[in-house]
N, C-alpha and C. Protein backbone atom coordinates (compact mmCIF):
# COMPACT_ATOMS: atom_id res chain seq x y z
N MET A 1 147.26 56.57 14.52
CA MET A 1 148.54 55.98 14.25
C MET A 1 148.34 54.50 13.96
N LYS A 2 148.96 53.97 12.96
CA LYS A 2 148.80 52.59 12.56
C LYS A 2 150.09 51.83 12.83
N LEU A 3 150.02 50.83 13.68
CA LEU A 3 151.18 50.02 13.99
C LEU A 3 151.12 48.74 13.17
N LYS A 4 152.24 48.29 12.63
CA LYS A 4 152.29 47.05 11.87
C LYS A 4 153.07 46.03 12.66
N PHE A 5 152.57 44.85 12.76
CA PHE A 5 153.30 43.76 13.39
C PHE A 5 152.71 42.44 12.94
N MET A 6 153.47 41.37 13.10
CA MET A 6 153.06 40.05 12.64
C MET A 6 152.41 39.27 13.78
N LEU A 7 151.09 39.23 13.81
CA LEU A 7 150.32 38.46 14.76
C LEU A 7 150.85 38.53 16.19
N ILE A 8 151.28 39.72 16.60
CA ILE A 8 151.70 39.95 17.97
C ILE A 8 150.45 40.37 18.74
N PRO A 9 150.25 39.83 19.89
CA PRO A 9 149.00 40.11 20.62
C PRO A 9 148.82 41.60 20.91
N LEU A 10 147.62 42.05 20.62
CA LEU A 10 147.27 43.42 21.00
C LEU A 10 147.32 43.55 22.51
N ALA A 11 146.96 42.47 23.20
CA ALA A 11 146.93 42.52 24.65
C ALA A 11 148.32 42.75 25.23
N ILE A 12 149.33 42.15 24.65
CA ILE A 12 150.69 42.33 25.15
C ILE A 12 151.09 43.79 25.02
N LEU A 13 150.72 44.41 23.94
CA LEU A 13 151.05 45.81 23.72
C LEU A 13 150.14 46.74 24.51
N GLY A 14 149.02 46.17 25.02
CA GLY A 14 148.11 46.99 25.82
C GLY A 14 147.39 48.04 25.00
N LEU A 15 147.15 47.75 23.73
CA LEU A 15 146.53 48.73 22.86
C LEU A 15 145.09 48.38 22.60
N LEU A 16 144.23 49.39 22.50
CA LEU A 16 142.88 49.19 22.02
C LEU A 16 142.79 49.45 20.54
N VAL A 17 143.74 50.19 20.01
CA VAL A 17 143.78 50.46 18.59
C VAL A 17 145.14 50.01 18.09
N GLY A 18 145.14 49.19 17.05
CA GLY A 18 146.39 48.71 16.51
C GLY A 18 146.11 48.01 15.21
N SER A 19 147.12 47.55 14.57
CA SER A 19 146.91 46.75 13.37
C SER A 19 148.05 45.77 13.25
N TYR A 20 147.82 44.75 12.46
CA TYR A 20 148.86 43.78 12.21
C TYR A 20 148.69 43.30 10.79
N ALA A 21 149.65 42.59 10.29
CA ALA A 21 149.58 42.11 8.92
C ALA A 21 149.82 40.62 8.90
N ASP A 22 149.12 39.93 8.00
CA ASP A 22 149.49 38.56 7.69
C ASP A 22 149.91 38.56 6.23
N ALA A 23 150.09 37.40 5.67
CA ALA A 23 150.63 37.34 4.32
C ALA A 23 149.71 37.98 3.28
N ASN A 24 148.40 38.00 3.53
CA ASN A 24 147.47 38.47 2.51
C ASN A 24 146.68 39.70 2.88
N LYS A 25 146.69 40.11 4.15
CA LYS A 25 145.77 41.15 4.57
C LYS A 25 146.41 42.11 5.54
N ASP A 26 145.90 43.34 5.57
CA ASP A 26 146.17 44.30 6.63
C ASP A 26 144.86 44.44 7.39
N VAL A 27 144.91 44.36 8.71
CA VAL A 27 143.70 44.45 9.51
C VAL A 27 143.89 45.52 10.57
N THR A 28 142.90 46.37 10.75
CA THR A 28 142.94 47.40 11.77
C THR A 28 141.78 47.17 12.72
N LEU A 29 142.08 47.11 14.02
CA LEU A 29 141.05 46.94 15.03
C LEU A 29 140.86 48.28 15.73
N LYS A 30 139.63 48.66 15.97
CA LYS A 30 139.34 49.91 16.65
C LYS A 30 138.20 49.70 17.62
N SER A 31 138.24 50.38 18.74
CA SER A 31 137.13 50.37 19.69
C SER A 31 136.59 51.77 19.81
N THR A 32 135.29 51.86 20.00
CA THR A 32 134.67 53.17 20.21
C THR A 32 133.93 53.13 21.53
N ASP A 33 133.48 54.27 21.98
CA ASP A 33 132.75 54.34 23.24
C ASP A 33 131.29 53.94 23.09
N LYS A 34 130.86 53.53 21.92
CA LYS A 34 129.47 53.15 21.69
C LYS A 34 129.30 51.64 21.62
N LYS A 35 130.22 50.88 22.23
CA LYS A 35 130.18 49.43 22.24
C LYS A 35 130.16 48.87 20.82
N VAL A 36 130.84 49.52 19.91
CA VAL A 36 130.95 49.04 18.54
C VAL A 36 132.43 48.89 18.24
N THR A 37 132.79 47.75 17.69
CA THR A 37 134.17 47.52 17.32
C THR A 37 134.24 47.45 15.81
N LYS A 38 135.17 48.19 15.23
CA LYS A 38 135.34 48.17 13.78
C LYS A 38 136.52 47.29 13.45
N ILE A 39 136.34 46.43 12.47
CA ILE A 39 137.45 45.64 11.96
C ILE A 39 137.52 45.94 10.48
N GLU A 40 138.58 46.61 10.08
CA GLU A 40 138.76 46.95 8.67
C GLU A 40 139.75 45.98 8.06
N THR A 41 139.34 45.34 6.99
CA THR A 41 140.21 44.37 6.34
C THR A 41 140.49 44.83 4.92
N LYS A 42 141.74 44.92 4.59
CA LYS A 42 142.12 45.28 3.24
C LYS A 42 142.86 44.10 2.63
N GLU A 43 142.28 43.49 1.64
CA GLU A 43 142.96 42.45 0.88
C GLU A 43 144.04 43.15 0.07
N LYS A 44 145.26 42.69 0.16
CA LYS A 44 146.34 43.36 -0.54
C LYS A 44 146.17 43.33 -2.05
N SER A 45 145.42 42.35 -2.54
CA SER A 45 145.23 42.25 -3.98
C SER A 45 144.04 43.07 -4.48
N LYS A 46 143.31 43.71 -3.58
CA LYS A 46 142.14 44.49 -3.95
C LYS A 46 142.39 45.96 -3.66
N SER A 47 141.61 46.81 -4.31
CA SER A 47 141.77 48.24 -4.08
C SER A 47 140.76 48.79 -3.08
N GLN A 48 139.82 47.94 -2.62
CA GLN A 48 138.81 48.42 -1.68
C GLN A 48 139.00 47.79 -0.31
N ASN A 49 138.60 48.49 0.70
CA ASN A 49 138.56 47.96 2.06
C ASN A 49 137.14 47.51 2.35
N GLU A 50 137.01 46.40 3.07
CA GLU A 50 135.73 46.00 3.62
C GLU A 50 135.78 46.36 5.09
N LYS A 51 134.76 47.00 5.56
CA LYS A 51 134.71 47.37 6.95
C LYS A 51 133.58 46.60 7.61
N ILE A 52 133.91 45.87 8.67
CA ILE A 52 132.91 45.18 9.46
C ILE A 52 132.80 45.93 10.77
N ILE A 53 131.60 46.33 11.10
CA ILE A 53 131.35 47.04 12.34
C ILE A 53 130.54 46.12 13.23
N TRP A 54 131.11 45.75 14.38
CA TRP A 54 130.43 44.88 15.33
C TRP A 54 129.44 45.70 16.14
N ILE A 55 128.25 45.16 16.33
CA ILE A 55 127.20 45.84 17.07
C ILE A 55 126.77 44.95 18.24
N ASP A 56 126.81 45.51 19.44
CA ASP A 56 126.24 44.85 20.61
C ASP A 56 124.83 45.40 20.79
N PRO A 57 123.82 44.55 20.67
CA PRO A 57 122.44 45.06 20.84
C PRO A 57 122.25 45.70 22.21
N THR A 58 121.50 46.77 22.25
CA THR A 58 121.19 47.41 23.53
C THR A 58 120.22 46.51 24.31
N GLN A 59 120.15 46.73 25.60
CA GLN A 59 119.22 45.95 26.42
C GLN A 59 117.78 46.13 25.93
N LYS A 60 117.45 47.36 25.58
CA LYS A 60 116.09 47.66 25.12
C LYS A 60 115.76 46.89 23.85
N VAL A 61 116.65 46.93 22.86
CA VAL A 61 116.41 46.22 21.59
C VAL A 61 116.39 44.72 21.83
N CYS A 62 117.30 44.23 22.66
CA CYS A 62 117.35 42.80 22.95
C CYS A 62 116.02 42.32 23.52
N LYS A 63 115.57 42.97 24.57
CA LYS A 63 114.33 42.55 25.24
C LYS A 63 113.10 42.74 24.36
N ALA A 64 113.06 43.83 23.61
CA ALA A 64 111.89 44.12 22.76
C ALA A 64 111.75 43.12 21.62
N ASN A 65 112.82 42.40 21.31
CA ASN A 65 112.78 41.46 20.19
C ASN A 65 112.94 40.01 20.64
N GLY A 66 112.58 39.75 21.89
CA GLY A 66 112.52 38.38 22.38
C GLY A 66 113.78 37.84 23.04
N GLY A 67 114.79 38.67 23.22
CA GLY A 67 116.01 38.22 23.88
C GLY A 67 115.96 38.53 25.36
N LYS A 68 117.01 38.12 26.06
CA LYS A 68 117.15 38.46 27.47
C LYS A 68 118.59 38.87 27.72
N ILE A 69 118.80 39.58 28.80
CA ILE A 69 120.14 40.05 29.14
C ILE A 69 120.79 39.02 30.06
N GLY A 70 122.03 38.67 29.74
CA GLY A 70 122.76 37.69 30.53
C GLY A 70 123.11 38.22 31.91
N SER A 71 123.63 37.34 32.74
CA SER A 71 123.93 37.69 34.13
C SER A 71 124.97 38.80 34.26
N SER A 72 125.81 38.96 33.25
CA SER A 72 126.80 40.03 33.30
C SER A 72 126.20 41.38 32.94
N ALA A 73 124.93 41.40 32.58
CA ALA A 73 124.18 42.61 32.24
C ALA A 73 124.76 43.35 31.03
N SER A 74 125.53 42.65 30.23
CA SER A 74 126.05 43.33 29.05
C SER A 74 125.92 42.51 27.77
N PHE A 75 125.41 41.30 27.86
CA PHE A 75 125.29 40.46 26.68
C PHE A 75 123.84 40.06 26.45
N CYS A 76 123.43 40.13 25.20
CA CYS A 76 122.08 39.73 24.80
C CYS A 76 122.10 38.23 24.47
N ILE A 77 121.13 37.50 24.97
CA ILE A 77 121.00 36.07 24.74
C ILE A 77 119.65 35.82 24.07
N ALA A 78 119.65 35.01 23.02
CA ALA A 78 118.40 34.71 22.31
C ALA A 78 118.54 33.41 21.52
N ASN A 79 117.39 32.87 21.13
CA ASN A 79 117.46 31.74 20.21
C ASN A 79 117.82 32.29 18.82
N TRP A 80 118.06 31.40 17.88
CA TRP A 80 118.58 31.79 16.57
C TRP A 80 117.63 32.74 15.82
N SER A 81 116.35 32.42 15.80
CA SER A 81 115.38 33.25 15.09
C SER A 81 115.29 34.65 15.70
N LYS A 82 115.23 34.72 17.02
CA LYS A 82 115.18 36.01 17.70
C LYS A 82 116.49 36.78 17.52
N ALA A 83 117.61 36.07 17.47
CA ALA A 83 118.91 36.72 17.26
C ALA A 83 118.92 37.47 15.93
N LYS A 84 118.35 36.85 14.90
CA LYS A 84 118.26 37.52 13.61
C LYS A 84 117.38 38.77 13.68
N ASP A 85 116.26 38.68 14.41
CA ASP A 85 115.37 39.83 14.60
C ASP A 85 116.08 40.95 15.36
N ILE A 86 116.81 40.58 16.41
CA ILE A 86 117.53 41.55 17.24
C ILE A 86 118.57 42.29 16.40
N CYS A 87 119.28 41.56 15.57
CA CYS A 87 120.29 42.21 14.73
C CYS A 87 119.66 43.14 13.71
N SER A 88 118.55 42.73 13.14
CA SER A 88 117.85 43.58 12.18
C SER A 88 117.39 44.87 12.88
N ALA A 89 116.83 44.75 14.08
CA ALA A 89 116.36 45.92 14.84
C ALA A 89 117.53 46.79 15.30
N SER A 90 118.74 46.21 15.35
CA SER A 90 119.94 46.96 15.74
C SER A 90 120.61 47.64 14.55
N GLY A 91 120.02 47.46 13.36
CA GLY A 91 120.57 48.08 12.16
C GLY A 91 121.65 47.27 11.48
N GLY A 92 121.69 45.99 11.77
CA GLY A 92 122.70 45.13 11.15
C GLY A 92 122.14 43.77 10.79
N ARG A 93 123.02 42.78 10.82
CA ARG A 93 122.63 41.41 10.53
C ARG A 93 123.40 40.50 11.48
N LEU A 94 122.89 39.29 11.64
CA LEU A 94 123.59 38.30 12.45
C LEU A 94 124.87 37.89 11.73
N VAL A 95 125.95 37.80 12.44
CA VAL A 95 127.27 37.50 11.90
C VAL A 95 127.30 36.08 11.30
N THR A 96 128.12 35.87 10.28
CA THR A 96 128.24 34.54 9.69
C THR A 96 129.24 33.70 10.49
N VAL A 97 129.19 32.39 10.31
CA VAL A 97 130.13 31.52 11.00
C VAL A 97 131.56 31.81 10.55
N ASP A 98 131.75 32.15 9.28
CA ASP A 98 133.10 32.47 8.79
C ASP A 98 133.65 33.74 9.43
N GLU A 99 132.79 34.72 9.67
CA GLU A 99 133.24 35.95 10.34
C GLU A 99 133.64 35.67 11.79
N LEU A 100 132.90 34.80 12.46
CA LEU A 100 133.26 34.42 13.83
C LEU A 100 134.55 33.60 13.86
N LYS A 101 134.68 32.67 12.93
CA LYS A 101 135.92 31.87 12.85
C LYS A 101 137.12 32.76 12.58
N LYS A 102 136.91 33.82 11.80
CA LYS A 102 138.00 34.74 11.49
C LYS A 102 138.49 35.46 12.75
N VAL A 103 137.60 35.77 13.67
CA VAL A 103 138.02 36.36 14.94
C VAL A 103 138.93 35.38 15.68
N VAL A 104 138.53 34.10 15.69
CA VAL A 104 139.35 33.08 16.35
C VAL A 104 140.76 33.06 15.75
N THR A 105 140.85 32.96 14.43
CA THR A 105 142.17 32.85 13.79
C THR A 105 142.95 34.16 13.82
N ASP A 106 142.27 35.29 13.65
CA ASP A 106 142.96 36.58 13.72
C ASP A 106 143.54 36.84 15.11
N CYS A 107 142.94 36.23 16.12
CA CYS A 107 143.43 36.40 17.49
C CYS A 107 144.48 35.34 17.85
N GLY A 108 144.89 34.55 16.90
CA GLY A 108 145.93 33.56 17.17
C GLY A 108 145.43 32.22 17.63
N GLY A 109 144.11 32.03 17.59
CA GLY A 109 143.55 30.74 17.95
C GLY A 109 143.44 29.85 16.72
N THR A 110 143.09 28.60 16.97
CA THR A 110 142.86 27.64 15.90
C THR A 110 141.47 27.06 16.10
N VAL A 111 140.62 27.15 15.08
CA VAL A 111 139.25 26.67 15.18
C VAL A 111 139.26 25.18 15.54
N ASN A 112 138.50 24.84 16.58
CA ASN A 112 138.30 23.48 17.08
C ASN A 112 139.55 22.83 17.67
N GLU A 113 140.52 23.63 18.09
CA GLU A 113 141.70 23.12 18.82
C GLU A 113 141.52 23.50 20.29
N TYR A 114 140.65 22.75 20.96
CA TYR A 114 140.19 23.11 22.30
C TYR A 114 141.32 23.40 23.29
N SER A 115 142.15 22.41 23.57
CA SER A 115 143.16 22.59 24.63
C SER A 115 144.21 23.62 24.24
N LYS A 116 144.55 23.68 22.97
CA LYS A 116 145.53 24.67 22.50
C LYS A 116 145.01 26.10 22.73
N ASN A 117 143.75 26.34 22.41
CA ASN A 117 143.16 27.67 22.57
C ASN A 117 143.00 28.05 24.04
N GLN A 118 142.63 27.09 24.89
CA GLN A 118 142.42 27.37 26.30
C GLN A 118 143.71 27.80 26.99
N LYS A 119 144.84 27.36 26.48
CA LYS A 119 146.14 27.69 27.07
C LYS A 119 146.76 28.95 26.46
N ASN A 120 146.15 29.50 25.44
CA ASN A 120 146.70 30.63 24.69
C ASN A 120 146.18 31.95 25.27
N THR A 121 146.97 32.59 26.13
CA THR A 121 146.51 33.82 26.77
C THR A 121 146.39 34.98 25.79
N PHE A 122 147.22 35.02 24.76
CA PHE A 122 147.08 36.05 23.73
C PHE A 122 145.72 35.94 23.05
N TYR A 123 145.34 34.72 22.71
CA TYR A 123 144.06 34.47 22.07
C TYR A 123 142.92 35.02 22.93
N LYS A 124 142.90 34.65 24.20
CA LYS A 124 141.83 35.11 25.10
C LYS A 124 141.82 36.62 25.24
N ASP A 125 142.97 37.23 25.47
CA ASP A 125 143.04 38.69 25.61
C ASP A 125 142.54 39.38 24.35
N CYS A 126 142.89 38.84 23.19
CA CYS A 126 142.50 39.44 21.91
C CYS A 126 140.99 39.41 21.71
N TYR A 127 140.35 38.23 21.87
CA TYR A 127 138.91 38.20 21.62
C TYR A 127 138.14 38.98 22.67
N GLU A 128 138.64 39.04 23.89
CA GLU A 128 137.97 39.85 24.90
C GLU A 128 138.07 41.34 24.57
N LYS A 129 139.21 41.78 24.04
CA LYS A 129 139.35 43.19 23.64
C LYS A 129 138.42 43.55 22.49
N GLN A 130 138.00 42.54 21.72
CA GLN A 130 137.07 42.77 20.62
C GLN A 130 135.61 42.66 21.07
N GLY A 131 135.38 42.50 22.37
CA GLY A 131 134.02 42.51 22.90
C GLY A 131 133.37 41.15 23.04
N PHE A 132 134.13 40.07 22.88
CA PHE A 132 133.57 38.73 23.01
C PHE A 132 133.85 38.19 24.40
N SER A 133 133.01 37.27 24.85
CA SER A 133 133.15 36.66 26.17
C SER A 133 133.33 35.15 26.01
N ASP A 134 133.93 34.55 27.02
CA ASP A 134 134.04 33.10 26.99
C ASP A 134 132.94 32.44 27.82
N ALA A 135 131.98 33.23 28.29
CA ALA A 135 130.91 32.71 29.14
C ALA A 135 129.82 31.97 28.37
N SER A 136 129.72 32.17 27.08
CA SER A 136 128.71 31.49 26.28
C SER A 136 129.17 31.43 24.83
N ASP A 137 128.38 30.74 24.03
CA ASP A 137 128.65 30.64 22.60
C ASP A 137 127.89 31.75 21.87
N TYR A 138 128.30 32.03 20.63
CA TYR A 138 127.69 33.07 19.81
C TYR A 138 127.03 32.46 18.58
N TRP A 139 125.79 32.84 18.35
CA TRP A 139 125.08 32.39 17.16
C TRP A 139 125.72 32.98 15.90
N SER A 140 125.67 32.21 14.83
CA SER A 140 125.97 32.74 13.50
C SER A 140 124.68 32.67 12.70
N SER A 141 124.65 33.37 11.59
CA SER A 141 123.48 33.34 10.71
C SER A 141 123.48 32.10 9.83
N SER A 142 124.56 31.33 9.89
CA SER A 142 124.76 30.19 8.98
C SER A 142 124.02 28.95 9.48
N SER A 143 123.00 28.54 8.71
CA SER A 143 122.32 27.28 9.02
C SER A 143 123.26 26.13 8.75
N PHE A 144 123.04 25.03 9.46
CA PHE A 144 123.88 23.85 9.26
C PHE A 144 123.32 23.08 8.07
N LYS A 145 124.15 22.88 7.06
CA LYS A 145 123.71 22.25 5.81
C LYS A 145 123.11 20.86 6.08
N GLY A 146 121.91 20.67 5.57
CA GLY A 146 121.22 19.39 5.68
C GLY A 146 120.43 19.21 6.97
N GLU A 147 120.51 20.19 7.87
CA GLU A 147 119.76 20.12 9.12
C GLU A 147 119.05 21.45 9.34
N GLU A 148 117.82 21.52 8.88
CA GLU A 148 117.03 22.74 8.90
C GLU A 148 116.89 23.35 10.30
N LYS A 149 116.89 22.52 11.33
CA LYS A 149 116.66 23.01 12.70
C LYS A 149 117.96 23.34 13.44
N SER A 150 119.10 23.30 12.74
CA SER A 150 120.38 23.58 13.38
C SER A 150 121.11 24.72 12.69
N ALA A 151 121.94 25.42 13.46
CA ALA A 151 122.76 26.51 12.92
C ALA A 151 124.14 26.44 13.59
N TRP A 152 125.10 27.09 12.95
CA TRP A 152 126.47 27.15 13.47
C TRP A 152 126.57 28.15 14.61
N PHE A 153 127.42 27.84 15.57
CA PHE A 153 127.80 28.77 16.63
C PHE A 153 129.31 28.69 16.81
N VAL A 154 129.87 29.69 17.47
CA VAL A 154 131.29 29.67 17.83
C VAL A 154 131.40 30.01 19.31
N GLY A 155 132.17 29.20 20.02
CA GLY A 155 132.48 29.44 21.42
C GLY A 155 133.92 29.90 21.53
N PHE A 156 134.15 31.05 22.10
CA PHE A 156 135.49 31.61 22.11
C PHE A 156 136.40 31.01 23.18
N TYR A 157 135.86 30.50 24.26
CA TYR A 157 136.69 29.93 25.32
C TYR A 157 137.65 28.88 24.75
N ASN A 158 137.12 28.02 23.90
CA ASN A 158 137.96 26.97 23.33
C ASN A 158 138.06 27.02 21.81
N GLY A 159 137.47 28.03 21.19
CA GLY A 159 137.56 28.19 19.75
C GLY A 159 136.74 27.21 18.95
N VAL A 160 135.72 26.64 19.58
CA VAL A 160 134.90 25.63 18.91
C VAL A 160 133.91 26.27 17.94
N ALA A 161 133.78 25.67 16.78
CA ALA A 161 132.72 26.00 15.83
C ALA A 161 131.93 24.73 15.63
N ASN A 162 130.65 24.78 15.94
CA ASN A 162 129.83 23.58 15.89
C ASN A 162 128.39 23.96 15.61
N LYS A 163 127.52 22.98 15.60
CA LYS A 163 126.10 23.21 15.36
C LYS A 163 125.32 22.98 16.63
N ASP A 164 124.16 23.61 16.70
CA ASP A 164 123.22 23.36 17.79
C ASP A 164 121.83 23.67 17.25
N THR A 165 120.82 23.21 17.97
CA THR A 165 119.46 23.48 17.52
C THR A 165 119.15 24.97 17.69
N LYS A 166 118.40 25.49 16.77
CA LYS A 166 118.11 26.92 16.72
C LYS A 166 117.26 27.41 17.89
N ASP A 167 116.69 26.49 18.67
CA ASP A 167 115.87 26.87 19.83
C ASP A 167 116.70 27.27 21.04
N ASN A 168 117.98 26.90 21.07
CA ASN A 168 118.82 27.22 22.22
C ASN A 168 119.18 28.69 22.27
N GLY A 169 119.46 29.18 23.45
CA GLY A 169 119.83 30.58 23.63
C GLY A 169 121.34 30.76 23.71
N PHE A 170 121.88 31.56 22.80
CA PHE A 170 123.31 31.90 22.79
C PHE A 170 123.44 33.42 22.69
N TYR A 171 124.66 33.89 22.91
CA TYR A 171 124.93 35.32 22.79
C TYR A 171 124.70 35.80 21.37
N VAL A 172 124.36 37.09 21.27
CA VAL A 172 124.06 37.72 19.99
C VAL A 172 125.02 38.88 19.76
N ARG A 173 125.76 38.84 18.66
CA ARG A 173 126.54 40.00 18.18
C ARG A 173 126.17 40.18 16.72
N CYS A 174 126.05 41.40 16.34
CA CYS A 174 125.60 41.73 14.99
C CYS A 174 126.71 42.47 14.25
N VAL A 175 126.57 42.57 12.95
CA VAL A 175 127.54 43.32 12.15
C VAL A 175 126.82 44.18 11.12
N LYS A 176 127.51 45.26 10.78
CA LYS A 176 127.16 46.11 9.64
C LYS A 176 128.40 46.12 8.78
N GLU A 177 128.23 46.32 7.51
CA GLU A 177 129.40 46.40 6.65
C GLU A 177 129.20 47.47 5.59
N SER A 178 130.33 47.98 5.14
CA SER A 178 130.33 48.93 4.05
C SER A 178 131.68 48.85 3.36
N SER A 179 131.75 49.34 2.15
CA SER A 179 133.00 49.36 1.41
C SER A 179 133.34 50.80 1.07
N PHE A 180 134.62 51.06 0.97
CA PHE A 180 135.06 52.38 0.55
C PHE A 180 136.39 52.24 -0.17
N CYS A 181 136.67 53.19 -1.04
CA CYS A 181 137.93 53.19 -1.75
C CYS A 181 138.98 53.85 -0.89
N LYS A 182 140.19 53.37 -0.99
CA LYS A 182 141.27 53.94 -0.20
C LYS A 182 141.80 55.19 -0.85
């Protein structure tokens, strides 16, 4: 069943499956029992859907590719280079900074609006339902332009998108994508 609503928190409705619309897109969020979250985005001006499938690396893949498991025993932590290896071994790729920023905005947050995001309970409930934590930052595959040793990360607690050196350890989430005709 597909529900349509205008940026109303999924958390308020208590749904794991739902959809909402903005002026340009229809988005459907889905959770599966395999720790994979699907986000299907249909641009209203296009005839194809892009499907992004979020992948949480398994503990085995994380450790075998140079990562470690965080204290919550459910998140893989690695430096930037190892994060890319972990995602490849998980059958996907490291997420881009734009894809991470889109989670912030799709959940009702504003990128780099620290205090506004911290007070927004809908925002927090939404990103947590999509499998993200506020306990650490998430690496993106996007290198920081002009600084070879830095890459972009996004922290969901406050919606920050910033750069850090690639040697630091941050959470790893991967994506797979495919297209299909409706």
